[in-house]
Amino acid sequence: MEGIRKLLNTILNFLAGVSFVAMVVLTCWQVFTRYVLKNPSSWSEELVSYLFAWMALLGASVVTGERGHMNIPVVVEKMGAGAQKFFNIFAEVIAFLFSAIILTYGGVQITNLAMGQLTSSLGVPVGVFYIVLPLCGVLNMIYAVLNIADILKGKEV
């Protein structure tokens, strides 16, 4: 299980990093074309916005894998070990269900719907950029299962 987590973390960190570097380069290109060449690059602005969404969602999957998602532990920390384990697993089940229903199912629906629509500057189907939603949904579900297994074993992520 640790091998799967380590591999996913490596891939996601790499993809998020590549997205960030590409965004920086494209933004610099956009500034150069706008202020130096006086001919703004519209495709780079559009691509940067899609890359930002990809980077944010891939980063959110990494956070899910680290069990760093938002919670308010003040009440749970005052409970016994059994109750803490129950609520930690409950939180992972909620994250799993959200990922399954909203990100994966909803993401597949919106991706299929958007495949018939082209982006204004790039001329690429919008659905290509929406594929990150179901992808991250599946990744979050995998991480949730790994997290539940670790909680049951008494391991901290």
Protein backbone atom coordinates (compact mmCIF):
# COMPACT_ATOMS: atom_id res chain seq x y z
CA MET A 1 0.00 0.00 0.00
CA GLU A 2 2.84 2.40 0.75
CA GLY A 3 4.27 1.74 -2.71
CA ILE A 4 1.00 2.78 -4.34
CA ARG A 5 0.83 5.94 -2.22
CA LYS A 6 4.45 6.84 -2.97
CA LEU A 7 3.99 6.27 -6.72
CA LEU A 8 0.80 8.36 -6.84
CA ASN A 9 2.43 11.16 -4.82
CA THR A 10 5.44 11.20 -7.13
CA ILE A 11 3.31 11.33 -10.28
CA LEU A 12 0.94 13.98 -8.90
CA ASN A 13 3.72 16.18 -7.56
CA PHE A 14 5.47 15.96 -10.93
CA LEU A 15 2.30 16.83 -12.87
CA ALA A 16 1.42 19.71 -10.55
CA GLY A 17 5.00 20.98 -10.80
CA VAL A 18 5.02 20.77 -14.60
CA SER A 19 1.69 22.62 -14.68
CA PHE A 20 3.13 25.36 -12.46
CA VAL A 21 6.28 25.77 -14.55
CA ALA A 22 4.23 25.84 -17.75
CA MET A 23 1.95 28.49 -16.24
CA VAL A 24 4.92 30.68 -15.33
CA VAL A 25 6.46 30.34 -18.80
CA LEU A 26 3.15 30.98 -20.56
CA THR A 27 2.39 34.00 -18.37
CA CYS A 28 5.82 35.46 -19.14
CA TRP A 29 5.15 34.84 -22.84
CA GLN A 30 1.80 36.53 -22.54
CA VAL A 31 3.33 39.61 -20.89
CA PHE A 32 6.08 39.71 -23.53
CA THR A 33 3.64 39.52 -26.43
CA ARG A 34 1.29 42.07 -24.90
CA TYR A 35 3.76 44.77 -23.86
CA VAL A 36 6.78 44.22 -26.11
CA LEU A 37 5.27 42.90 -29.32
CA LYS A 38 1.98 44.82 -28.85
CA ASN A 39 0.16 41.73 -30.08
CA PRO A 40 -1.28 39.79 -27.10
CA SER A 41 -1.33 36.02 -27.18
CA SER A 42 -4.89 34.94 -26.45
CA TRP A 43 -4.24 31.19 -26.50
CA SER A 44 -1.66 31.39 -23.70
CA GLU A 45 -4.09 33.12 -21.35
CA GLU A 46 -6.70 30.46 -21.96
CA LEU A 47 -4.21 27.62 -21.50
CA VAL A 48 -2.91 29.13 -18.24
CA SER A 49 -6.41 29.17 -16.79
CA TYR A 50 -6.92 25.49 -17.64
CA LEU A 51 -3.48 24.57 -16.29
CA PHE A 52 -4.31 26.39 -13.07
CA ALA A 53 -7.42 24.26 -12.63
CA TRP A 54 -5.43 21.09 -13.32
CA MET A 55 -2.71 22.11 -10.86
CA ALA A 56 -5.25 22.94 -8.15
CA LEU A 57 -7.18 19.69 -8.55
CA LEU A 58 -4.05 17.54 -8.71
CA GLY A 59 -2.76 19.35 -5.62
CA ALA A 60 -6.07 18.69 -3.87
CA SER A 61 -5.61 14.98 -4.57
CA VAL A 62 -2.15 15.11 -2.98
CA VAL A 63 -3.69 16.80 0.08
CA THR A 64 -6.34 14.07 0.23
CA GLY A 65 -3.59 11.47 0.21
CA GLU A 66 -1.88 13.21 3.13
CA ARG A 67 -5.18 13.36 5.03
CA GLY A 68 -4.77 17.11 5.05
CA HIS A 69 -8.31 17.92 3.98
CA MET A 70 -10.23 20.44 5.98
CA ASN A 71 -11.48 19.36 9.38
CA ILE A 72 -12.09 20.77 12.83
CA PRO A 73 -10.55 18.23 15.20
CA VAL A 74 -11.16 20.07 18.49
CA VAL A 75 -14.10 17.85 19.49
CA VAL A 76 -12.75 14.57 18.10
CA GLU A 77 -9.38 15.02 19.84
CA LYS A 78 -11.14 15.04 23.20
CA MET A 79 -12.71 11.63 22.54
CA GLY A 80 -11.24 8.21 23.17
CA ALA A 81 -9.07 6.34 20.68
CA GLY A 82 -11.98 4.23 19.38
CA ALA A 83 -14.18 7.25 18.72
CA GLN A 84 -11.29 9.07 17.05
CA LYS A 85 -10.72 6.10 14.76
CA PHE A 86 -14.45 5.96 13.94
CA PHE A 87 -14.66 9.67 13.07
CA ASN A 88 -11.42 9.57 11.06
CA ILE A 89 -12.81 6.67 9.02
CA PHE A 90 -16.16 8.46 8.73
CA ALA A 91 -14.37 11.53 7.31
CA GLU A 92 -12.61 9.35 4.74
CA VAL A 93 -15.90 7.69 3.76
CA ILE A 94 -17.45 11.15 3.21
CA ALA A 95 -14.43 12.16 1.10
CA PHE A 96 -14.79 8.90 -0.86
CA LEU A 97 -18.50 9.49 -1.50
CA PHE A 98 -17.91 13.10 -2.56
CA SER A 99 -15.18 11.96 -4.94
CA ALA A 100 -17.34 9.16 -6.35
CA ILE A 101 -20.51 11.19 -6.85
CA ILE A 102 -19.39 14.74 -7.56
CA LEU A 103 -15.93 14.41 -9.08
CA THR A 104 -16.11 11.04 -10.81
CA TYR A 105 -19.76 10.66 -11.84
CA GLY A 106 -20.40 14.39 -12.30
CA GLY A 107 -17.00 14.84 -13.91
CA VAL A 108 -17.69 12.14 -16.49
CA GLN A 109 -21.07 13.73 -17.25
CA ILE A 110 -19.69 17.24 -17.72
CA THR A 111 -16.67 15.97 -19.65
CA ASN A 112 -18.88 14.12 -22.12
CA LEU A 113 -21.19 17.12 -22.41
CA ALA A 114 -18.28 19.49 -23.05
CA MET A 115 -16.63 17.36 -25.74
CA GLY A 116 -18.86 18.99 -28.34
CA GLN A 117 -17.76 22.50 -27.40
CA LEU A 118 -14.44 23.97 -28.56
CA THR A 119 -12.31 26.41 -26.57
CA SER A 120 -12.31 29.89 -28.06
CA SER A 121 -8.56 30.34 -28.63
CA LEU A 122 -7.10 26.85 -28.64
CA GLY A 123 -9.78 25.13 -30.72
CA VAL A 124 -9.62 22.05 -28.47
CA PRO A 125 -12.73 20.36 -27.05
CA VAL A 126 -13.43 21.78 -23.59
CA GLY A 127 -14.00 18.25 -22.35
CA VAL A 128 -10.29 17.53 -22.75
CA PHE A 129 -9.60 20.02 -19.98
CA TYR A 130 -12.47 18.69 -17.83
CA ILE A 131 -11.01 15.17 -17.80
CA VAL A 132 -9.13 16.19 -14.66
CA LEU A 133 -12.38 16.07 -12.66
CA PRO A 134 -13.05 12.31 -12.95
CA LEU A 135 -9.31 11.62 -12.88
CA CYS A 136 -8.96 13.37 -9.52
CA GLY A 137 -12.17 11.72 -8.32
CA VAL A 138 -10.67 8.29 -8.92
CA LEU A 139 -7.37 9.35 -7.35
CA ASN A 140 -9.19 10.69 -4.28
CA MET A 141 -11.12 7.43 -3.94
CA ILE A 142 -7.87 5.45 -4.09
CA TYR A 143 -6.34 7.73 -1.47
CA ALA A 144 -9.44 7.44 0.74
CA VAL A 145 -9.19 3.64 0.67
CA LEU A 146 -5.45 3.82 1.45
CA ASN A 147 -6.17 6.27 4.28
CA ILE A 148 -8.87 4.01 5.76
CA ALA A 149 -6.47 1.06 5.64
CA ASP A 150 -3.83 3.14 7.44
CA ILE A 151 -6.32 4.31 10.07
CA LEU A 152 -7.38 0.73 10.73
CA LYS A 153 -3.72 -0.26 11.11
CA GLY A 154 -3.17 2.65 13.49
CA LYS A 155 -0.69 4.36 11.15
CA GLU A 156 -0.55 8.10 10.69
CA VAL A 157 -0.07 9.37 7.14
